[in-house]
Amino acid sequence: MWCSVPERLQLHMAMLALQFGYAGFHVVSRAALNMGISKIVFIVYRNIIAFLLLLPFAYFLEKKERPAITLNFLVQFFFLALIGITANQGFYLLGLDNTSPTFASAIQNSVPAITFLMAAILRQKHFYPSNLYTYINSDFRNMDNKKFFADRAKMIEQVRLNRKDGIAKVVGTLCCVAGASVITLYKGPTIYSPAPPLQSVMGLHSSLSLNPFFPSLQSLSLGDARGKNWTLGCVFLIGHCLSWSGWLVLQAPVLKKYPARLSVTSYTCFFGLIQFLIIAAFVERDLQAWLVRSGAEVFSIFYAGVVASGIAFAVQIWCIDRGGPVFVAVYQPVQTLVVAIMASIALGEEFYLGGIIGAVLIIAGLYLVLWGKSEEKKFASAAIQSGGPEQGNNRTSLHIKSSLNQPLLPPSTENV
């Protein structure tokens, strides 16, 4: 029956399901924190599940194309893990604990612009982050010569301020920075405050709270960080986005030398797990904290490891392969909307003026950056069609300069 559905409709359905899956991750992660699960324990268990999921696919699918491992590669994987797993996920949970799922999702929309800015500063062509994980593109899947992939990694990101695509990318980046600044520095008055979703059963609170297997119902109803440092939480989330973007930029030279995506991700996940275990040895010595005490905690951990780091990875690869990175990227703000609805219903999250203004600026900046990349491709195509003999000889070079065929949102198995 699924095969009879037009492919374009399949893509839209898959992308909507993907956004719901990632939106659920934000809400589930916040619920896990509200239940009192240790942040470091949550991350360690999540990465164990993700690593065990990735390992067999990386081993069997890339067995023939995986280069021999060397000490130099291991050092690079270690530092990729330090930035893309340890700093990325650590900052995310610290930020989420002090803010809310909606604004954590909203600020992630700035990752494409931050990645573009980093790549331009470092003079390196990058893989634009799309909220997920993948390096596959529609051109590369039909090519046997992997030199094409290596050539793309060598290209330099250029900002042409004399063209509208360059201006759009710069303005979009500034909008994202402005939005993140507004969210961080200005919380503002409460715009919407739903009734706590569990108030109708609060009569059971006194009896259930005596049972260690039931967390406080009142704590589960709070989707925003009351009594915590909102500004500090936003700073942590900005650190999360910077780590994520830096990871994406630094992956390009690694993948050029070690073009086995699943294997790189597996090694990164493994070293990230080791780093978190070392941190846990110092900050989480209470053995009781490592015990999973309820079905809700088990669900949150498995959801993070299986859905956010497993199923979503496969869906993302297929969607970018079939629909292209821009198609995937434009769905990113849908996740923020879904998170807002889910968090409001499930956690009773409140919405603040500063967060709403900042989210609008960030989403506008995201679309400006994507539009700039789209226009960049049009300029390249027009140059190819109107060029003379010299232009014809450089057809491949001009095609490579268009980065529209590169993933525009985070390609990792560890989105957050």
Protein backbone atom coordinates (compact mmCIF):
# COMPACT_ATOMS: atom_id res chain seq x y z
CA MET A 1 0.00 0.00 0.00
CA TRP A 2 2.84 2.37 0.87
CA CYS A 3 4.38 1.80 -2.57
CA SER A 4 1.20 3.06 -4.25
CA VAL A 5 1.55 6.44 -2.52
CA PRO A 6 3.31 9.06 -4.71
CA GLU A 7 6.92 9.57 -3.63
CA ARG A 8 6.45 13.29 -3.02
CA LEU A 9 3.60 12.56 -0.63
CA GLN A 10 5.74 9.91 1.05
CA LEU A 11 8.44 12.53 1.58
CA HIS A 12 6.02 15.01 3.16
CA MET A 13 4.60 12.33 5.44
CA ALA A 14 8.07 11.17 6.43
CA MET A 15 9.24 14.72 7.18
CA LEU A 16 6.19 15.43 9.31
CA ALA A 17 6.74 12.19 11.22
CA LEU A 18 10.39 13.15 11.63
CA GLN A 19 9.54 16.54 13.13
CA PHE A 20 7.10 14.91 15.54
CA GLY A 21 9.82 12.44 16.50
CA TYR A 22 12.34 15.16 17.27
CA ALA A 23 9.71 17.32 18.96
CA GLY A 24 8.92 14.37 21.19
CA PHE A 25 12.61 14.13 22.09
CA HIS A 26 12.62 17.69 23.44
CA VAL A 27 9.51 17.06 25.52
CA VAL A 28 10.60 13.62 26.71
CA SER A 29 14.03 14.95 27.70
CA ARG A 30 12.45 17.71 29.75
CA ALA A 31 10.06 15.23 31.37
CA ALA A 32 13.05 13.05 32.28
CA LEU A 33 14.74 16.01 33.96
CA ASN A 34 11.51 16.82 35.81
CA MET A 35 11.35 13.23 37.06
CA GLY A 36 14.74 13.74 38.66
CA ILE A 37 16.89 11.56 36.42
CA SER A 38 20.55 12.60 36.49
CA LYS A 39 21.64 14.52 33.40
CA ILE A 40 24.87 12.58 33.07
CA VAL A 41 23.09 9.25 33.55
CA PHE A 42 20.52 10.15 30.89
CA ILE A 43 23.25 11.04 28.39
CA VAL A 44 25.35 7.94 29.11
CA TYR A 45 22.43 5.54 28.69
CA ARG A 46 21.29 7.35 25.55
CA ASN A 47 24.71 7.07 23.93
CA ILE A 48 25.05 3.40 24.86
CA ILE A 49 21.80 2.67 23.03
CA ALA A 50 22.78 4.85 20.05
CA PHE A 51 26.20 3.19 19.77
CA LEU A 52 24.75 -0.31 19.91
CA LEU A 53 22.29 0.66 17.16
CA LEU A 54 24.92 2.21 14.91
CA LEU A 55 27.67 -0.35 15.31
CA PRO A 56 26.24 -3.26 13.25
CA PHE A 57 25.15 -0.97 10.40
CA ALA A 58 28.55 0.74 10.28
CA TYR A 59 30.40 -2.57 10.38
CA PHE A 60 28.46 -4.41 7.67
CA LEU A 61 27.39 -1.58 5.32
CA GLU A 62 30.81 0.09 5.16
CA LYS A 63 33.00 -2.97 5.51
CA LYS A 64 34.51 -2.62 2.02
CA GLU A 65 34.90 1.16 1.89
CA ARG A 66 36.14 1.85 5.42
CA PRO A 67 39.82 2.95 5.44
CA ALA A 68 42.29 1.38 7.84
CA ILE A 69 42.17 2.98 11.26
CA THR A 70 45.26 4.88 12.44
CA LEU A 71 46.24 6.77 15.58
CA ASN A 72 45.75 10.05 13.71
CA PHE A 73 42.14 9.11 12.87
CA LEU A 74 41.46 8.07 16.46
CA VAL A 75 42.69 11.44 17.72
CA GLN A 76 40.44 13.24 15.24
CA PHE A 77 37.45 11.12 16.24
CA PHE A 78 38.19 11.87 19.89
CA PHE A 79 38.09 15.63 19.34
CA LEU A 80 35.00 15.35 17.14
CA ALA A 81 33.34 13.54 20.05
CA LEU A 82 34.51 16.19 22.50
CA ILE A 83 32.78 18.90 20.45
CA GLY A 84 29.89 17.07 18.80
CA ILE A 85 28.84 14.71 21.58
CA THR A 86 30.20 15.80 24.95
CA ALA A 87 29.91 19.59 24.64
CA ASN A 88 26.88 19.43 22.33
CA GLN A 89 24.71 17.15 24.45
CA GLY A 90 25.98 18.46 27.77
CA PHE A 91 25.16 22.08 26.93
CA TYR A 92 21.78 21.02 25.53
CA LEU A 93 20.59 19.33 28.72
CA LEU A 94 21.95 22.12 30.92
CA GLY A 95 20.14 24.65 28.75
CA LEU A 96 16.93 22.64 28.61
CA ASP A 97 16.94 22.28 32.39
CA ASN A 98 16.98 26.08 32.77
CA THR A 99 14.62 27.03 29.93
CA SER A 100 11.94 25.05 28.14
CA PRO A 101 11.56 22.55 25.25
CA THR A 102 10.05 25.15 22.89
CA PHE A 103 12.87 27.64 23.20
CA ALA A 104 15.50 24.90 23.07
CA SER A 105 13.98 23.86 19.74
CA ALA A 106 13.63 27.46 18.55
CA ILE A 107 17.24 28.37 19.16
CA GLN A 108 18.39 25.29 17.22
CA ASN A 109 17.06 26.96 14.07
CA SER A 110 20.14 29.19 14.23
CA VAL A 111 22.53 26.27 13.63
CA PRO A 112 22.55 26.58 9.79
CA ALA A 113 23.46 30.27 10.01
CA ILE A 114 26.11 29.70 12.68
CA THR A 115 27.61 26.87 10.61
CA PHE A 116 27.73 29.12 7.55
CA LEU A 117 29.43 31.87 9.58
CA MET A 118 32.02 29.47 11.02
CA ALA A 119 32.79 28.00 7.61
CA ALA A 120 33.19 31.48 6.11
CA ILE A 121 35.54 32.53 8.92
CA LEU A 122 37.58 29.34 8.64
CA ARG A 123 37.52 29.60 4.83
CA GLN A 124 36.13 26.10 4.50
CA LYS A 125 33.22 24.64 2.59
CA HIS A 126 30.87 22.99 5.02
CA PHE A 127 27.85 20.77 5.10
CA TYR A 128 24.94 22.95 6.10
CA PRO A 129 23.18 21.47 9.12
CA SER A 130 19.62 20.31 8.64
CA ASN A 131 18.21 19.36 11.96
CA LEU A 132 19.53 15.94 11.49
CA TYR A 133 22.13 13.60 10.41
CA THR A 134 23.40 12.78 7.02
CA TYR A 135 25.93 13.54 4.38
CA ILE A 136 24.17 11.84 1.49
CA ASN A 137 23.04 14.02 -1.40
CA SER A 138 21.16 13.39 -4.61
CA ASP A 139 24.20 13.86 -6.86
CA PHE A 140 26.64 11.71 -4.92
CA ARG A 141 24.42 8.65 -4.78
CA ASN A 142 24.70 8.21 -8.54
CA MET A 143 28.49 8.58 -8.69
CA ASP A 144 31.09 5.86 -8.35
CA ASN A 145 34.05 8.22 -8.15
CA LYS A 146 34.31 9.32 -4.54
CA LYS A 147 36.83 11.96 -5.49
CA PHE A 148 33.76 14.14 -6.08
CA PHE A 149 33.02 14.02 -2.36
CA ALA A 150 36.59 14.88 -1.48
CA ASP A 151 36.63 17.78 -3.93
CA ARG A 152 33.53 19.25 -2.36
CA ALA A 153 35.11 19.21 1.04
CA LYS A 154 37.98 21.35 -0.25
CA MET A 155 35.78 24.15 -1.55
CA ILE A 156 35.86 27.51 0.21
CA GLU A 157 32.70 29.19 1.46
CA GLN A 158 32.39 32.57 -0.27
CA VAL A 159 30.22 35.52 0.70
CA ARG A 160 29.43 37.70 -2.32
CA LEU A 161 28.02 40.93 -0.92
CA ASN A 162 27.51 42.28 -4.44
CA ARG A 163 24.82 39.65 -5.07
CA LYS A 164 21.48 39.09 -3.43
CA ASP A 165 22.33 35.52 -2.36
CA GLY A 166 25.34 36.73 -0.40
CA ILE A 167 23.36 39.55 1.20
CA ALA A 168 20.55 37.14 2.13
CA LYS A 169 22.98 34.76 3.85
CA VAL A 170 24.61 37.58 5.83
CA VAL A 171 21.27 39.16 6.82
CA GLY A 172 19.89 35.72 7.75
CA THR A 173 22.90 35.05 9.95
CA LEU A 174 22.48 38.42 11.67
CA CYS A 175 18.78 37.69 12.24
CA CYS A 176 19.65 34.38 13.90
CA VAL A 177 22.24 36.06 16.11
CA ALA A 178 19.74 38.80 17.00
CA GLY A 179 17.05 36.22 17.79
CA ALA A 180 19.35 34.22 20.02
CA SER A 181 20.39 37.43 21.79
CA VAL A 182 16.76 38.45 22.40
CA ILE A 183 15.90 35.02 23.85
CA THR A 184 18.95 35.20 26.11
CA LEU A 185 18.73 38.79 27.33
CA TYR A 186 14.98 39.43 27.40
CA LYS A 187 12.50 36.98 28.85
CA GLY A 188 9.58 39.39 28.94
CA PRO A 189 6.08 38.96 30.30
CA THR A 190 4.10 35.74 30.07
CA ILE A 191 2.06 35.67 26.85
CA TYR A 192 0.38 32.32 27.34
CA SER A 193 0.07 30.28 30.52
CA PRO A 194 -1.95 27.05 30.16
CA ALA A 195 -3.48 25.35 33.16
CA PRO A 196 -1.17 22.62 34.49
CA PRO A 197 -2.30 19.50 32.61
CA LEU A 198 -2.20 17.33 35.68
CA GLN A 199 -4.22 19.54 38.01
CA SER A 200 -7.27 17.36 37.59
CA VAL A 201 -5.43 14.51 39.31
CA MET A 202 -3.55 16.51 41.88
CA GLY A 203 -5.77 14.96 44.52
CA LEU A 204 -3.71 11.82 44.06
CA HIS A 205 -0.48 13.70 44.64
CA SER A 206 -0.28 13.23 48.38
CA SER A 207 -0.59 9.46 48.14
CA LEU A 208 1.51 8.90 45.02
CA SER A 209 4.33 11.15 46.17
CA LEU A 210 4.96 8.69 48.99
CA ASN A 211 5.78 6.03 46.43
CA PRO A 212 9.40 6.34 45.13
CA PHE A 213 8.34 4.95 41.75
CA PHE A 214 6.05 7.95 41.10
CA PRO A 215 7.71 11.34 40.67
CA SER A 216 5.95 14.45 41.87
CA LEU A 217 2.99 15.16 39.63
CA GLN A 218 3.51 18.85 40.21
CA SER A 219 7.06 18.68 38.91
CA LEU A 220 5.89 16.87 35.77
CA SER A 221 3.47 19.69 35.00
CA LEU A 222 6.16 22.33 34.67
CA GLY A 223 7.45 22.70 31.13
CA ASP A 224 9.31 25.91 31.86
CA ALA A 225 12.14 26.43 34.32
CA ARG A 226 10.50 28.23 37.20
CA GLY A 227 12.96 29.32 39.84
CA LYS A 228 15.96 28.67 37.57
CA ASN A 229 18.28 30.94 35.63
CA TRP A 230 16.70 31.60 32.23
CA THR A 231 19.61 33.68 30.94
CA LEU A 232 22.15 31.05 31.96
CA GLY A 233 20.01 28.39 30.26
CA CYS A 234 20.01 30.37 27.03
CA VAL A 235 23.78 30.77 27.25
CA PHE A 236 24.07 26.99 27.59
CA LEU A 237 21.82 26.54 24.53
CA ILE A 238 23.96 28.95 22.53
CA GLY A 239 26.97 26.86 23.57
CA HIS A 240 25.03 23.81 22.35
CA CYS A 241 24.46 25.43 18.93
CA LEU A 242 28.09 26.59 18.68
CA SER A 243 29.31 23.07 19.51
CA TRP A 244 26.91 21.54 17.01
CA SER A 245 27.97 23.95 14.26
CA GLY A 246 31.66 23.51 15.02
CA TRP A 247 31.22 19.76 14.85
CA LEU A 248 29.61 20.02 11.43
CA VAL A 249 32.37 22.26 10.08
CA LEU A 250 35.19 20.13 11.47
CA GLN A 251 33.68 16.92 10.08
CA ALA A 252 34.36 17.98 6.48
CA PRO A 253 38.16 17.46 6.49
CA VAL A 254 37.75 14.23 8.48
CA LEU A 255 35.23 12.79 6.04
CA LYS A 256 37.47 13.77 3.15
CA LYS A 257 40.13 11.40 4.49
CA TYR A 258 37.77 8.85 6.03
CA PRO A 259 34.66 8.79 3.81
CA ALA A 260 32.69 6.24 5.82
CA ARG A 261 29.90 8.26 7.42
CA LEU A 262 28.38 5.62 9.66
CA SER A 263 31.79 4.53 10.90
CA VAL A 264 32.81 8.10 11.71
CA THR A 265 29.58 8.59 13.62
CA SER A 266 30.06 5.30 15.47
CA TYR A 267 33.60 6.17 16.50
CA THR A 268 32.45 9.63 17.56
CA CYS A 269 29.61 8.16 19.60
CA PHE A 270 32.00 5.67 21.23
CA PHE A 271 34.52 8.32 22.28
CA GLY A 272 31.69 10.59 23.45
CA LEU A 273 30.45 7.76 25.65
CA ILE A 274 33.95 7.25 27.10
CA GLN A 275 34.25 10.98 27.83
CA PHE A 276 30.90 11.07 29.60
CA LEU A 277 31.83 8.02 31.67
CA ILE A 278 35.01 9.80 32.78
CA ILE A 279 32.97 12.89 33.71
CA ALA A 280 30.46 10.70 35.53
CA ALA A 281 33.23 9.19 37.63
CA PHE A 282 33.77 12.64 39.15
CA VAL A 283 30.29 14.21 39.19
CA GLU A 284 27.93 11.26 39.65
CA ARG A 285 29.35 8.88 42.22
CA ASP A 286 26.01 7.99 43.78
CA LEU A 287 25.24 4.48 42.55
CA GLN A 288 21.54 5.02 43.27
CA ALA A 289 21.44 7.67 40.54
CA TRP A 290 22.25 4.99 37.95
CA LEU A 291 19.17 2.96 38.82
CA VAL A 292 16.17 3.37 36.53
CA ARG A 293 13.26 3.61 38.92
CA SER A 294 10.18 3.83 36.73
CA GLY A 295 8.78 2.88 33.36
CA ALA A 296 8.68 6.57 32.42
CA GLU A 297 12.45 6.85 32.89
CA VAL A 298 13.01 3.71 30.80
CA PHE A 299 10.77 5.12 28.07
CA SER A 300 12.59 8.49 28.01
CA ILE A 301 16.01 6.85 27.73
CA PHE A 302 14.98 4.43 25.00
CA TYR A 303 13.13 7.17 23.13
CA ALA A 304 16.26 9.31 23.09
CA GLY A 305 18.48 6.43 21.99
CA VAL A 306 16.20 4.60 19.55
CA VAL A 307 13.96 7.28 18.05
CA ALA A 308 16.16 10.41 18.18
CA SER A 309 19.41 8.61 17.37
CA GLY A 310 18.27 5.59 15.38
CA ILE A 311 15.00 5.69 13.47
CA ALA A 312 15.26 9.42 12.78
CA PHE A 313 18.73 8.88 11.29
CA ALA A 314 17.44 6.42 8.70
CA VAL A 315 14.43 8.60 7.82
CA GLN A 316 16.64 11.67 7.47
CA ILE A 317 19.01 9.90 5.09
CA TRP A 318 16.13 8.78 2.88
CA CYS A 319 14.46 12.22 2.83
CA ILE A 320 17.63 14.11 1.89
CA ASP A 321 18.50 11.46 -0.68
CA ARG A 322 15.09 11.68 -2.34
CA GLY A 323 13.91 15.22 -1.68
CA GLY A 324 17.11 17.20 -1.34
CA PRO A 325 18.49 19.19 1.58
CA VAL A 326 16.40 22.33 1.01
CA PHE A 327 13.21 20.27 1.17
CA VAL A 328 14.36 18.88 4.51
CA ALA A 329 15.55 22.23 5.82
CA VAL A 330 12.25 24.07 5.33
CA TYR A 331 10.58 21.63 7.70
CA GLN A 332 12.86 22.58 10.60
CA PRO A 333 10.59 25.33 12.05
CA VAL A 334 7.69 22.85 12.01
CA GLN A 335 9.49 21.05 14.81
CA THR A 336 9.44 24.20 16.94
CA LEU A 337 5.69 24.57 16.42
CA VAL A 338 5.07 20.91 17.28
CA VAL A 339 7.25 21.20 20.39
CA ALA A 340 5.28 24.27 21.51
CA ILE A 341 1.98 22.40 21.18
CA MET A 342 3.24 19.19 22.80
CA ALA A 343 4.99 20.96 25.66
CA SER A 344 1.95 23.12 26.33
CA ILE A 345 -0.35 20.10 26.51
CA ALA A 346 1.95 17.61 28.22
CA LEU A 347 4.02 19.88 30.45
CA GLY A 348 1.95 23.05 30.81
CA GLU A 349 4.75 25.18 29.32
CA GLU A 350 4.41 28.95 29.49
CA PHE A 351 5.36 31.21 26.57
CA TYR A 352 7.18 34.50 27.08
CA LEU A 353 7.35 37.56 24.84
CA GLY A 354 11.13 37.54 24.52
CA GLY A 355 11.17 33.90 23.48
CA ILE A 356 8.49 34.42 20.85
CA ILE A 357 10.25 37.46 19.34
CA GLY A 358 13.57 35.63 19.32
CA ALA A 359 12.06 32.51 17.73
CA VAL A 360 10.50 34.58 14.93
CA LEU A 361 13.84 36.27 14.21
CA ILE A 362 15.71 32.95 14.19
CA ILE A 363 13.21 31.26 11.87
CA ALA A 364 13.24 34.28 9.53
CA GLY A 365 17.04 34.11 9.51
CA LEU A 366 16.94 30.39 8.72
CA TYR A 367 14.76 30.93 5.67
CA LEU A 368 16.93 33.84 4.49
CA VAL A 369 20.02 31.61 4.62
CA LEU A 370 18.19 28.82 2.76
CA TRP A 371 16.88 31.27 0.17
CA GLY A 372 20.41 32.60 -0.30
CA LYS A 373 21.69 29.09 -0.95
CA SER A 374 18.88 28.53 -3.44
CA GLU A 375 19.75 31.73 -5.30
CA GLU A 376 23.41 30.71 -5.28
CA LYS A 377 22.49 27.62 -7.27
CA LYS A 378 20.53 29.71 -9.78
CA PHE A 379 23.54 31.95 -10.36
CA ALA A 380 25.75 28.92 -10.91
CA SER A 381 23.25 27.33 -13.32
CA ALA A 382 22.90 30.56 -15.28
CA ALA A 383 26.68 30.87 -15.55
CA ILE A 384 26.92 27.34 -16.94
CA GLN A 385 24.19 27.93 -19.54
CA SER A 386 25.56 31.27 -20.73
CA GLY A 387 29.25 30.45 -20.59
CA GLY A 388 31.58 30.01 -23.57
CA PRO A 389 34.21 27.34 -24.22
CA GLU A 390 36.10 28.20 -21.07
CA GLN A 391 32.92 28.04 -19.08
CA GLY A 392 32.10 24.69 -20.63
CA ASN A 393 35.47 23.32 -19.51
CA ASN A 394 34.70 24.43 -15.99
CA ARG A 395 31.21 22.94 -15.85
CA THR A 396 32.11 20.57 -13.07
CA SER A 397 33.82 23.28 -11.06
CA LEU A 398 30.79 25.55 -11.26
CA HIS A 399 28.50 22.72 -10.28
CA ILE A 400 30.59 21.99 -7.23
CA LYS A 401 30.46 25.64 -6.14
CA SER A 402 26.75 25.36 -5.66
CA SER A 403 26.22 24.04 -2.19
CA LEU A 404 22.48 23.58 -2.55
CA ASN A 405 23.01 19.86 -2.95
CA GLN A 406 24.67 19.65 0.44
CA PRO A 407 22.70 18.88 3.57
CA LEU A 408 21.46 22.08 5.13
CA LEU A 409 20.65 20.82 8.59
CA PRO A 410 22.53 18.70 11.19
CA PRO A 411 23.68 15.38 9.81
CA SER A 412 24.52 13.44 12.92
CA THR A 413 23.22 10.53 14.76
CA GLU A 414 23.32 12.73 17.77
CA ASN A 415 21.08 15.68 16.98
CA VAL A 416 21.13 17.09 20.45
